[in-house]
Amino acid sequence: MKLKEGVVLHFNGEKYIALTTGNAAKNFNGITYSNSTGNFIMNLLLNEDISELEIIQAVTKKYDVDSVTAGKDVHRFLENLRHIGILDE
């Protein structure tokens, strides 16, 4: 899975932002905000086709979190991306 083409990530000095352009804007025309962990996940999804398990492994490697907690949090975050329509599977 990866982010749909047309999703642009930005940090405005305070918040991590995902903006939609082009085809991505057809599904979700707007802006969504995330924390640094969400931004880390979206960058993984932006740059490569990656599985949920690979994302969980990357999160546990980067942050001080166990795999069960990371798995729940990553799954919830991905569900939110699916809900707003910017995840390409």
C-alpha atoms as a PDB file:
ATOM      1  CA  MET A   1       0.000   0.000   0.000  1.00  0.00           C
ATOM      2  CA  LYS A   2       1.021   3.621  -0.420  1.00  0.00           C
ATOM      3  CA  LEU A   3      -0.427   7.103  -0.424  1.00  0.00           C
ATOM      4  CA  LYS A   4      -2.372   8.042  -3.527  1.00  0.00           C
ATOM      5  CA  GLU A   5      -0.602  10.097  -6.120  1.00  0.00           C
ATOM      6  CA  GLY A   6      -1.209  13.760  -5.422  1.00  0.00           C
ATOM      7  CA  VAL A   7      -0.766  13.661  -1.645  1.00  0.00           C
ATOM      8  CA  VAL A   8       1.826  16.203  -0.548  1.00  0.00           C
ATOM      9  CA  LEU A   9       3.382  16.221   2.927  1.00  0.00           C
ATOM     10  CA  HIS A  10       4.401  19.469   4.588  1.00  0.00           C
ATOM     11  CA  PHE A  11       5.566  20.729   7.986  1.00  0.00           C
ATOM     12  CA  ASN A  12       4.590  24.337   8.709  1.00  0.00           C
ATOM     13  CA  GLY A  13       6.783  24.695  11.782  1.00  0.00           C
ATOM     14  CA  GLU A  14       4.022  23.588  14.125  1.00  0.00           C
ATOM     15  CA  LYS A  15       2.010  20.821  12.481  1.00  0.00           C
ATOM     16  CA  TYR A  16       2.575  17.996  10.023  1.00  0.00           C
ATOM     17  CA  ILE A  17       0.127  18.386   7.157  1.00  0.00           C
ATOM     18  CA  ALA A  18      -0.994  16.177   4.282  1.00  0.00           C
ATOM     19  CA  LEU A  19      -2.501  18.113   1.376  1.00  0.00           C
ATOM     20  CA  THR A  20      -4.314  16.586  -1.546  1.00  0.00           C
ATOM     21  CA  THR A  21      -3.852  17.599  -5.168  1.00  0.00           C
ATOM     22  CA  GLY A  22      -4.760  16.053  -8.497  1.00  0.00           C
ATOM     23  CA  ASN A  23      -6.418  12.626  -8.362  1.00  0.00           C
ATOM     24  CA  ALA A  24      -6.099  12.409  -4.586  1.00  0.00           C
ATOM     25  CA  ALA A  25      -8.282  15.516  -4.265  1.00  0.00           C
ATOM     26  CA  LYS A  26     -11.167  13.684  -5.953  1.00  0.00           C
ATOM     27  CA  ASN A  27     -11.534  11.499  -2.863  1.00  0.00           C
ATOM     28  CA  PHE A  28     -10.543  13.954  -0.154  1.00  0.00           C
ATOM     29  CA  ASN A  29     -10.284  17.608  -1.024  1.00  0.00           C
ATOM     30  CA  GLY A  30      -8.530  19.121   1.909  1.00  0.00           C
ATOM     31  CA  ILE A  31      -5.967  18.951   4.608  1.00  0.00           C
ATOM     32  CA  THR A  32      -5.330  16.431   7.346  1.00  0.00           C
ATOM     33  CA  TYR A  33      -2.995  16.902  10.288  1.00  0.00           C
ATOM     34  CA  SER A  34      -0.820  14.380  12.102  1.00  0.00           C
ATOM     35  CA  ASN A  35       1.802  14.145  14.798  1.00  0.00           C
ATOM     36  CA  SER A  36       5.428  13.226  14.105  1.00  0.00           C
ATOM     37  CA  THR A  37       4.658   9.477  14.203  1.00  0.00           C
ATOM     38  CA  GLY A  38       1.835   9.892  11.698  1.00  0.00           C
ATOM     39  CA  ASN A  39       4.139  11.920   9.498  1.00  0.00           C
ATOM     40  CA  PHE A  40       6.780   9.173   9.740  1.00  0.00           C
ATOM     41  CA  ILE A  41       4.191   6.609   8.598  1.00  0.00           C
ATOM     42  CA  MET A  42       2.944   8.825   5.762  1.00  0.00           C
ATOM     43  CA  ASN A  43       6.519   9.338   4.564  1.00  0.00           C
ATOM     44  CA  LEU A  44       6.961   5.560   4.450  1.00  0.00           C
ATOM     45  CA  LEU A  45       3.737   5.304   2.440  1.00  0.00           C
ATOM     46  CA  LEU A  46       4.736   8.180   0.177  1.00  0.00           C
ATOM     47  CA  ASN A  47       8.079   6.753  -0.840  1.00  0.00           C
ATOM     48  CA  GLU A  48       7.378   3.058  -1.346  1.00  0.00           C
ATOM     49  CA  ASP A  49       4.800   0.316  -1.556  1.00  0.00           C
ATOM     50  CA  ILE A  50       4.880  -1.071   1.983  1.00  0.00           C
ATOM     51  CA  SER A  51       2.848  -3.528   4.037  1.00  0.00           C
ATOM     52  CA  GLU A  52       1.217  -2.851   7.380  1.00  0.00           C
ATOM     53  CA  LEU A  53       3.640  -5.283   9.031  1.00  0.00           C
ATOM     54  CA  GLU A  54       6.631  -3.440   7.553  1.00  0.00           C
ATOM     55  CA  ILE A  55       5.247  -0.153   8.875  1.00  0.00           C
ATOM     56  CA  ILE A  56       4.809  -1.661  12.352  1.00  0.00           C
ATOM     57  CA  GLN A  57       8.394  -2.921  12.265  1.00  0.00           C
ATOM     58  CA  ALA A  58       9.677   0.506  11.207  1.00  0.00           C
ATOM     59  CA  VAL A  59       7.701   2.223  13.986  1.00  0.00           C
ATOM     60  CA  THR A  60       8.991  -0.154  16.671  1.00  0.00           C
ATOM     61  CA  LYS A  61      12.543   0.361  15.397  1.00  0.00           C
ATOM     62  CA  LYS A  62      12.294   4.173  15.389  1.00  0.00           C
ATOM     63  CA  TYR A  63      10.230   4.712  18.553  1.00  0.00           C
ATOM     64  CA  ASP A  64      10.356   3.175  22.021  1.00  0.00           C
ATOM     65  CA  VAL A  65       7.152   1.146  21.658  1.00  0.00           C
ATOM     66  CA  ASP A  66       6.315  -2.544  21.780  1.00  0.00           C
ATOM     67  CA  SER A  67       4.990  -4.307  18.674  1.00  0.00           C
ATOM     68  CA  VAL A  68       1.482  -4.875  20.100  1.00  0.00           C
ATOM     69  CA  THR A  69       0.961  -1.185  20.859  1.00  0.00           C
ATOM     70  CA  ALA A  70       2.559  -0.150  17.573  1.00  0.00           C
ATOM     71  CA  GLY A  71       0.350  -2.620  15.709  1.00  0.00           C
ATOM     72  CA  LYS A  72      -2.846  -1.196  17.205  1.00  0.00           C
ATOM     73  CA  ASP A  73      -1.783   2.397  16.613  1.00  0.00           C
ATOM     74  CA  VAL A  74      -0.578   1.791  13.047  1.00  0.00           C
ATOM     75  CA  HIS A  75      -3.763  -0.105  12.186  1.00  0.00           C
ATOM     76  CA  ARG A  76      -5.937   2.734  13.553  1.00  0.00           C
ATOM     77  CA  PHE A  77      -3.903   5.334  11.646  1.00  0.00           C
ATOM     78  CA  LEU A  78      -4.163   3.372   8.388  1.00  0.00           C
ATOM     79  CA  GLU A  79      -7.927   3.007   8.892  1.00  0.00           C
ATOM     80  CA  ASN A  80      -8.154   6.803   9.159  1.00  0.00           C
ATOM     81  CA  LEU A  81      -6.210   7.182   5.908  1.00  0.00           C
ATOM     82  CA  ARG A  82      -8.545   4.668   4.262  1.00  0.00           C
ATOM     83  CA  HIS A  83     -11.574   6.532   5.578  1.00  0.00           C
ATOM     84  CA  ILE A  84     -10.503   9.841   4.050  1.00  0.00           C
ATOM     85  CA  GLY A  85      -9.575   8.066   0.810  1.00  0.00           C
ATOM     86  CA  ILE A  86      -5.866   8.832   0.432  1.00  0.00           C
ATOM     87  CA  LEU A  87      -4.508   5.293   0.836  1.00  0.00           C
ATOM     88  CA  ASP A  88      -3.880   3.319  -2.359  1.00  0.00           C
ATOM     89  CA  GLU A  89      -3.922  -0.422  -1.816  1.00  0.00           C
END
